[in-house]
């Protein structure tokens, strides 16, 4: 995966993009960057990263990764707040996989100075 393009769709290599977040070399600077890295974590089956970046109050015991899922594309539809100096943000996205699409507005918050996924919104 090191030389391949990142699943999140930025056009960067996985190792320079979401791979650096998954390994802990860097932290997400914005809510959208965290959303992209969480999508990539599903694509590469990195359940530990998904759980680490889930708000403590809402964190499940398992991220529910199905390693047989084949993720195809991430579309960011809109971003509200979630910038470098903000404490909360919302990202609306479509995550395409073989057999379907996940469409969600996700709320992200800062927890101990780091962006984390809080919950899906209706």
N, C-alpha and C. Protein backbone atom coordinates (compact mmCIF):
# COMPACT_ATOMS: atom_id res chain seq x y z
N UNK A 1 0.83 -1.20 0.00
CA UNK A 1 0.00 0.00 0.00
C UNK A 1 0.86 1.26 0.00
N UNK A 2 2.12 1.17 0.41
CA UNK A 2 2.97 2.35 0.56
C UNK A 2 3.05 3.21 -0.69
N UNK A 3 3.17 2.63 -1.89
CA UNK A 3 3.33 3.40 -3.11
C UNK A 3 2.02 3.67 -3.81
N UNK A 4 0.93 3.16 -3.30
CA UNK A 4 -0.37 3.33 -3.93
C UNK A 4 -1.01 4.65 -3.51
N UNK A 5 -1.95 5.10 -4.33
CA UNK A 5 -2.68 6.32 -3.99
C UNK A 5 -3.55 6.07 -2.77
N UNK A 6 -3.72 7.11 -1.99
CA UNK A 6 -4.53 7.02 -0.78
C UNK A 6 -6.00 6.80 -1.16
N UNK A 7 -6.68 5.90 -0.47
CA UNK A 7 -8.09 5.64 -0.76
C UNK A 7 -8.99 6.86 -0.58
N UNK A 8 -8.56 7.85 0.20
CA UNK A 8 -9.42 9.00 0.50
C UNK A 8 -9.64 9.94 -0.67
N UNK A 9 -8.85 9.78 -1.74
CA UNK A 9 -9.09 10.56 -2.95
C UNK A 9 -8.33 11.87 -3.09
N UNK A 10 -7.34 12.13 -2.25
CA UNK A 10 -6.58 13.38 -2.37
C UNK A 10 -5.59 13.37 -3.53
N UNK A 11 -5.27 12.19 -4.03
CA UNK A 11 -4.27 12.08 -5.09
C UNK A 11 -2.86 11.88 -4.56
N UNK A 12 -2.69 11.91 -3.25
CA UNK A 12 -1.39 11.68 -2.62
C UNK A 12 -1.20 10.18 -2.40
N UNK A 13 0.05 9.80 -2.13
CA UNK A 13 0.30 8.40 -1.79
C UNK A 13 -0.29 8.12 -0.40
N UNK A 14 -0.67 6.88 -0.18
CA UNK A 14 -1.23 6.49 1.12
C UNK A 14 -0.27 6.82 2.26
N UNK A 15 1.00 6.51 2.08
CA UNK A 15 1.98 6.72 3.15
C UNK A 15 2.13 8.20 3.52
N UNK A 16 1.99 9.10 2.53
CA UNK A 16 2.13 10.53 2.79
C UNK A 16 0.82 11.18 3.22
N UNK A 17 -0.28 10.49 3.05
CA UNK A 17 -1.59 11.05 3.36
C UNK A 17 -2.14 10.38 4.62
N UNK A 18 -3.15 9.55 4.47
CA UNK A 18 -3.80 8.92 5.62
C UNK A 18 -2.92 7.92 6.34
N UNK A 19 -1.96 7.32 5.65
CA UNK A 19 -1.05 6.39 6.30
C UNK A 19 -0.29 7.04 7.44
N UNK A 20 0.09 8.31 7.27
CA UNK A 20 0.80 9.04 8.33
C UNK A 20 -0.10 9.26 9.55
N UNK A 21 -1.39 9.42 9.31
CA UNK A 21 -2.34 9.56 10.43
C UNK A 21 -2.58 8.21 11.09
N UNK A 22 -2.73 7.17 10.28
CA UNK A 22 -2.97 5.83 10.83
C UNK A 22 -1.80 5.37 11.70
N UNK A 23 -0.59 5.70 11.29
CA UNK A 23 0.60 5.26 12.04
C UNK A 23 0.85 6.11 13.28
N UNK A 24 0.21 7.27 13.37
CA UNK A 24 0.43 8.17 14.50
C UNK A 24 1.53 9.18 14.25
N UNK A 25 2.12 9.18 13.06
CA UNK A 25 3.18 10.13 12.74
C UNK A 25 2.64 11.56 12.70
N UNK A 26 1.36 11.71 12.33
CA UNK A 26 0.70 13.01 12.30
C UNK A 26 -0.71 12.85 12.85
N UNK A 27 -1.29 13.97 13.27
CA UNK A 27 -2.68 14.02 13.72
C UNK A 27 -3.48 14.82 12.69
N UNK A 28 -4.75 14.53 12.57
CA UNK A 28 -5.62 15.26 11.66
C UNK A 28 -5.71 16.72 12.08
N UNK A 29 -5.53 17.62 11.11
CA UNK A 29 -5.56 19.06 11.39
C UNK A 29 -6.98 19.61 11.32
N UNK A 30 -7.86 18.96 10.57
CA UNK A 30 -9.23 19.43 10.39
C UNK A 30 -10.20 18.25 10.50
N UNK A 31 -11.48 18.58 10.66
CA UNK A 31 -12.50 17.54 10.71
C UNK A 31 -12.55 16.78 9.38
N UNK A 32 -12.42 17.50 8.26
CA UNK A 32 -12.45 16.81 6.97
C UNK A 32 -11.27 15.86 6.82
N UNK A 33 -10.10 16.27 7.27
CA UNK A 33 -8.94 15.38 7.18
C UNK A 33 -9.17 14.12 8.02
N UNK A 34 -9.78 14.28 9.18
CA UNK A 34 -10.07 13.09 9.99
C UNK A 34 -11.11 12.21 9.29
N UNK A 35 -12.13 12.82 8.69
CA UNK A 35 -13.13 12.04 7.95
C UNK A 35 -12.46 11.23 6.86
N UNK A 36 -11.58 11.86 6.09
CA UNK A 36 -10.87 11.16 5.02
C UNK A 36 -10.04 10.00 5.58
N UNK A 37 -9.37 10.25 6.69
CA UNK A 37 -8.51 9.20 7.26
C UNK A 37 -9.34 8.05 7.82
N UNK A 38 -10.53 8.34 8.31
CA UNK A 38 -11.40 7.27 8.81
C UNK A 38 -11.95 6.43 7.65
N UNK A 39 -12.30 7.09 6.54
CA UNK A 39 -12.70 6.34 5.35
C UNK A 39 -11.57 5.41 4.92
N UNK A 40 -10.35 5.95 4.86
CA UNK A 40 -9.20 5.14 4.46
C UNK A 40 -8.96 4.00 5.43
N UNK A 41 -9.23 4.22 6.72
CA UNK A 41 -9.07 3.15 7.71
C UNK A 41 -10.05 2.01 7.42
N UNK A 42 -11.26 2.33 7.00
CA UNK A 42 -12.18 1.27 6.58
C UNK A 42 -11.62 0.55 5.37
N UNK A 43 -11.08 1.31 4.41
CA UNK A 43 -10.58 0.72 3.16
C UNK A 43 -9.39 -0.22 3.40
N UNK A 44 -8.56 0.09 4.41
CA UNK A 44 -7.38 -0.75 4.68
C UNK A 44 -7.58 -1.63 5.92
N UNK A 45 -8.81 -1.66 6.45
CA UNK A 45 -9.18 -2.49 7.61
C UNK A 45 -8.36 -2.18 8.86
N UNK A 46 -8.22 -0.89 9.18
CA UNK A 46 -7.47 -0.45 10.36
C UNK A 46 -8.45 -0.12 11.49
N UNK A 47 -8.96 -1.15 12.14
CA UNK A 47 -9.95 -0.97 13.20
C UNK A 47 -9.38 -0.21 14.40
N UNK A 48 -8.12 -0.42 14.73
CA UNK A 48 -7.51 0.29 15.86
C UNK A 48 -7.59 1.80 15.66
N UNK A 49 -7.29 2.26 14.44
CA UNK A 49 -7.34 3.70 14.17
C UNK A 49 -8.77 4.22 14.30
N UNK A 50 -9.72 3.48 13.77
CA UNK A 50 -11.11 3.91 13.87
C UNK A 50 -11.54 4.06 15.33
N UNK A 51 -11.19 3.11 16.15
CA UNK A 51 -11.56 3.18 17.57
C UNK A 51 -10.82 4.30 18.29
N UNK A 52 -9.54 4.52 17.96
CA UNK A 52 -8.77 5.61 18.57
C UNK A 52 -9.34 6.98 18.22
N UNK A 53 -9.98 7.10 17.07
CA UNK A 53 -10.48 8.40 16.62
C UNK A 53 -11.99 8.52 16.79
N UNK A 54 -12.55 7.74 17.69
CA UNK A 54 -13.97 7.79 18.02
C UNK A 54 -14.08 8.48 19.37
N UNK A 55 -14.99 9.43 19.52
CA UNK A 55 -15.18 10.12 20.79
C UNK A 55 -15.46 9.10 21.90
N UNK A 56 -14.82 9.27 23.04
CA UNK A 56 -14.92 8.31 24.14
C UNK A 56 -16.37 8.04 24.53
N UNK A 57 -17.18 9.07 24.54
CA UNK A 57 -18.58 8.93 24.96
C UNK A 57 -19.40 8.04 24.03
N UNK A 58 -19.01 7.99 22.76
CA UNK A 58 -19.79 7.25 21.76
C UNK A 58 -19.06 6.00 21.24
N UNK A 59 -17.85 5.74 21.71
CA UNK A 59 -17.01 4.66 21.15
C UNK A 59 -17.61 3.28 21.40
N UNK A 60 -17.82 2.52 20.33
CA UNK A 60 -18.30 1.14 20.48
C UNK A 60 -17.14 0.21 20.83
N UNK A 61 -17.45 -1.02 21.12
CA UNK A 61 -16.38 -1.99 21.42
C UNK A 61 -15.72 -2.48 20.14
N UNK A 62 -16.42 -2.35 19.01
CA UNK A 62 -15.88 -2.77 17.72
C UNK A 62 -16.30 -1.75 16.66
N UNK A 63 -15.44 -1.52 15.67
CA UNK A 63 -15.76 -0.58 14.60
C UNK A 63 -16.64 -1.20 13.53
N UNK A 64 -16.81 -2.49 13.57
CA UNK A 64 -17.68 -3.16 12.60
C UNK A 64 -17.10 -3.27 11.21
N UNK A 65 -15.80 -3.39 11.12
CA UNK A 65 -15.16 -3.54 9.82
C UNK A 65 -15.43 -4.93 9.27
N UNK A 66 -15.82 -4.96 8.00
CA UNK A 66 -15.96 -6.23 7.28
C UNK A 66 -14.84 -6.25 6.25
N UNK A 67 -13.85 -7.08 6.47
CA UNK A 67 -12.67 -7.09 5.59
C UNK A 67 -12.98 -7.51 4.16
N UNK A 68 -14.20 -8.02 3.93
CA UNK A 68 -14.58 -8.39 2.56
C UNK A 68 -15.17 -7.20 1.80
N UNK A 69 -15.51 -6.11 2.51
CA UNK A 69 -16.01 -4.91 1.83
C UNK A 69 -14.91 -4.33 0.95
N UNK A 70 -15.28 -3.89 -0.21
CA UNK A 70 -14.33 -3.24 -1.12
C UNK A 70 -14.78 -1.80 -1.33
N UNK A 71 -14.05 -0.88 -0.73
CA UNK A 71 -14.38 0.54 -0.79
C UNK A 71 -13.85 1.12 -2.09
N UNK A 72 -14.68 1.91 -2.77
CA UNK A 72 -14.37 2.39 -4.11
C UNK A 72 -14.01 3.87 -4.19
N UNK A 73 -14.75 4.71 -3.46
CA UNK A 73 -14.56 6.15 -3.63
C UNK A 73 -15.21 6.90 -2.48
N UNK A 74 -14.58 8.01 -2.10
CA UNK A 74 -15.14 8.91 -1.10
C UNK A 74 -15.46 10.24 -1.78
N UNK A 75 -16.67 10.73 -1.55
CA UNK A 75 -17.07 12.06 -2.02
C UNK A 75 -17.37 12.92 -0.80
N UNK A 76 -16.69 14.03 -0.66
CA UNK A 76 -17.01 15.00 0.38
C UNK A 76 -18.03 15.96 -0.23
N UNK A 77 -19.22 16.00 0.33
CA UNK A 77 -20.30 16.83 -0.21
C UNK A 77 -20.31 18.23 0.39
N UNK A 78 -20.02 18.33 1.68
CA UNK A 78 -19.96 19.64 2.33
C UNK A 78 -19.20 19.53 3.64
N UNK A 79 -18.66 20.65 4.04
CA UNK A 79 -17.95 20.75 5.33
C UNK A 79 -18.42 22.02 6.02
N UNK A 80 -18.82 21.91 7.27
CA UNK A 80 -19.22 23.06 8.08
C UNK A 80 -18.29 23.13 9.28
N UNK A 81 -17.59 24.25 9.40
CA UNK A 81 -16.63 24.45 10.49
C UNK A 81 -15.58 23.34 10.45
N UNK A 82 -15.04 22.96 11.59
CA UNK A 82 -14.06 21.87 11.63
C UNK A 82 -12.67 22.28 11.19
N UNK A 83 -12.38 23.58 11.24
CA UNK A 83 -11.07 24.08 10.81
C UNK A 83 -10.00 23.98 11.88
N UNK A 84 -8.85 24.51 11.56
CA UNK A 84 -7.67 24.42 12.43
C UNK A 84 -7.91 24.95 13.84
N UNK A 85 -8.68 26.02 13.98
CA UNK A 85 -8.86 26.64 15.29
C UNK A 85 -10.26 26.42 15.87
N UNK A 86 -11.02 25.52 15.27
CA UNK A 86 -12.38 25.29 15.74
C UNK A 86 -12.45 24.01 16.57
N UNK A 87 -13.54 23.89 17.34
CA UNK A 87 -13.69 22.76 18.25
C UNK A 87 -14.72 21.74 17.78
N UNK A 88 -15.48 22.08 16.75
CA UNK A 88 -16.51 21.18 16.26
C UNK A 88 -16.70 21.40 14.76
N UNK A 89 -17.11 20.35 14.07
CA UNK A 89 -17.36 20.46 12.65
C UNK A 89 -18.27 19.35 12.17
N UNK A 90 -18.84 19.56 10.99
CA UNK A 90 -19.71 18.57 10.37
C UNK A 90 -19.23 18.35 8.94
N UNK A 91 -19.13 17.09 8.56
CA UNK A 91 -18.74 16.72 7.20
C UNK A 91 -19.82 15.80 6.64
N UNK A 92 -20.36 16.20 5.48
CA UNK A 92 -21.31 15.34 4.79
C UNK A 92 -20.56 14.63 3.67
N UNK A 93 -20.78 13.34 3.56
CA UNK A 93 -20.02 12.54 2.59
C UNK A 93 -20.85 11.41 2.03
N UNK A 94 -20.35 10.87 0.93
CA UNK A 94 -20.83 9.60 0.38
C UNK A 94 -19.62 8.70 0.25
N UNK A 95 -19.70 7.52 0.82
CA UNK A 95 -18.64 6.52 0.73
C UNK A 95 -19.18 5.36 -0.10
N UNK A 96 -18.59 5.18 -1.27
CA UNK A 96 -19.06 4.14 -2.20
C UNK A 96 -18.27 2.84 -1.96
N UNK A 97 -18.98 1.74 -1.95
CA UNK A 97 -18.37 0.42 -1.84
C UNK A 97 -19.09 -0.51 -2.80
N UNK A 98 -18.48 -1.64 -3.10
CA UNK A 98 -19.12 -2.59 -3.99
C UNK A 98 -20.43 -3.01 -3.35
N UNK A 99 -21.54 -2.70 -4.02
CA UNK A 99 -22.85 -3.08 -3.51
C UNK A 99 -23.62 -1.96 -2.85
N UNK A 100 -23.05 -0.77 -2.72
CA UNK A 100 -23.83 0.29 -2.09
C UNK A 100 -23.08 1.57 -1.81
N UNK A 101 -23.76 2.45 -1.07
CA UNK A 101 -23.23 3.76 -0.72
C UNK A 101 -23.64 4.08 0.72
N UNK A 102 -22.71 4.61 1.48
CA UNK A 102 -23.02 5.15 2.81
C UNK A 102 -23.07 6.66 2.64
N UNK A 103 -24.20 7.27 3.01
CA UNK A 103 -24.35 8.73 2.94
C UNK A 103 -24.62 9.21 4.36
N UNK A 104 -23.78 10.11 4.85
CA UNK A 104 -23.92 10.55 6.25
C UNK A 104 -23.43 11.97 6.41
N UNK A 105 -24.04 12.65 7.37
CA UNK A 105 -23.50 13.91 7.91
C UNK A 105 -22.90 13.53 9.25
N UNK A 106 -21.61 13.67 9.38
CA UNK A 106 -20.90 13.25 10.58
C UNK A 106 -20.48 14.46 11.40
N UNK A 107 -20.64 14.36 12.70
CA UNK A 107 -20.20 15.42 13.61
C UNK A 107 -18.86 15.02 14.22
N UNK A 108 -17.92 15.96 14.18
CA UNK A 108 -16.59 15.77 14.74
C UNK A 108 -16.35 16.80 15.82
N UNK A 109 -15.64 16.41 16.86
CA UNK A 109 -15.31 17.32 17.96
C UNK A 109 -13.82 17.15 18.30
N UNK A 110 -13.31 18.12 19.02
CA UNK A 110 -11.95 17.97 19.56
C UNK A 110 -12.04 17.37 20.95
N UNK A 111 -11.23 16.36 21.17
CA UNK A 111 -11.17 15.69 22.47
C UNK A 111 -9.70 15.62 22.83
N UNK A 112 -9.32 16.23 23.95
CA UNK A 112 -7.91 16.30 24.34
C UNK A 112 -7.05 16.89 23.22
N UNK A 113 -7.61 17.88 22.53
CA UNK A 113 -6.87 18.58 21.48
C UNK A 113 -6.83 17.88 20.13
N UNK A 114 -7.46 16.70 20.01
CA UNK A 114 -7.43 15.93 18.76
C UNK A 114 -8.84 15.81 18.19
N UNK A 115 -8.92 15.84 16.86
CA UNK A 115 -10.22 15.60 16.22
C UNK A 115 -10.63 14.15 16.40
N UNK A 116 -11.92 13.96 16.74
CA UNK A 116 -12.48 12.61 16.84
C UNK A 116 -13.90 12.63 16.26
N UNK A 117 -14.34 11.46 15.81
CA UNK A 117 -15.70 11.29 15.30
C UNK A 117 -16.64 11.19 16.48
N UNK A 118 -17.69 12.03 16.50
CA UNK A 118 -18.66 12.01 17.60
C UNK A 118 -19.87 11.17 17.24
N UNK A 119 -20.52 11.48 16.10
CA UNK A 119 -21.75 10.75 15.75
C UNK A 119 -22.22 11.14 14.37
N UNK A 120 -23.08 10.29 13.83
CA UNK A 120 -23.76 10.60 12.59
C UNK A 120 -25.00 11.42 12.90
N UNK A 121 -25.30 12.40 12.06
CA UNK A 121 -26.46 13.26 12.25
C UNK A 121 -27.54 12.91 11.26
N UNK A 122 -28.76 13.25 11.56
CA UNK A 122 -29.86 12.98 10.62
C UNK A 122 -30.03 14.12 9.66
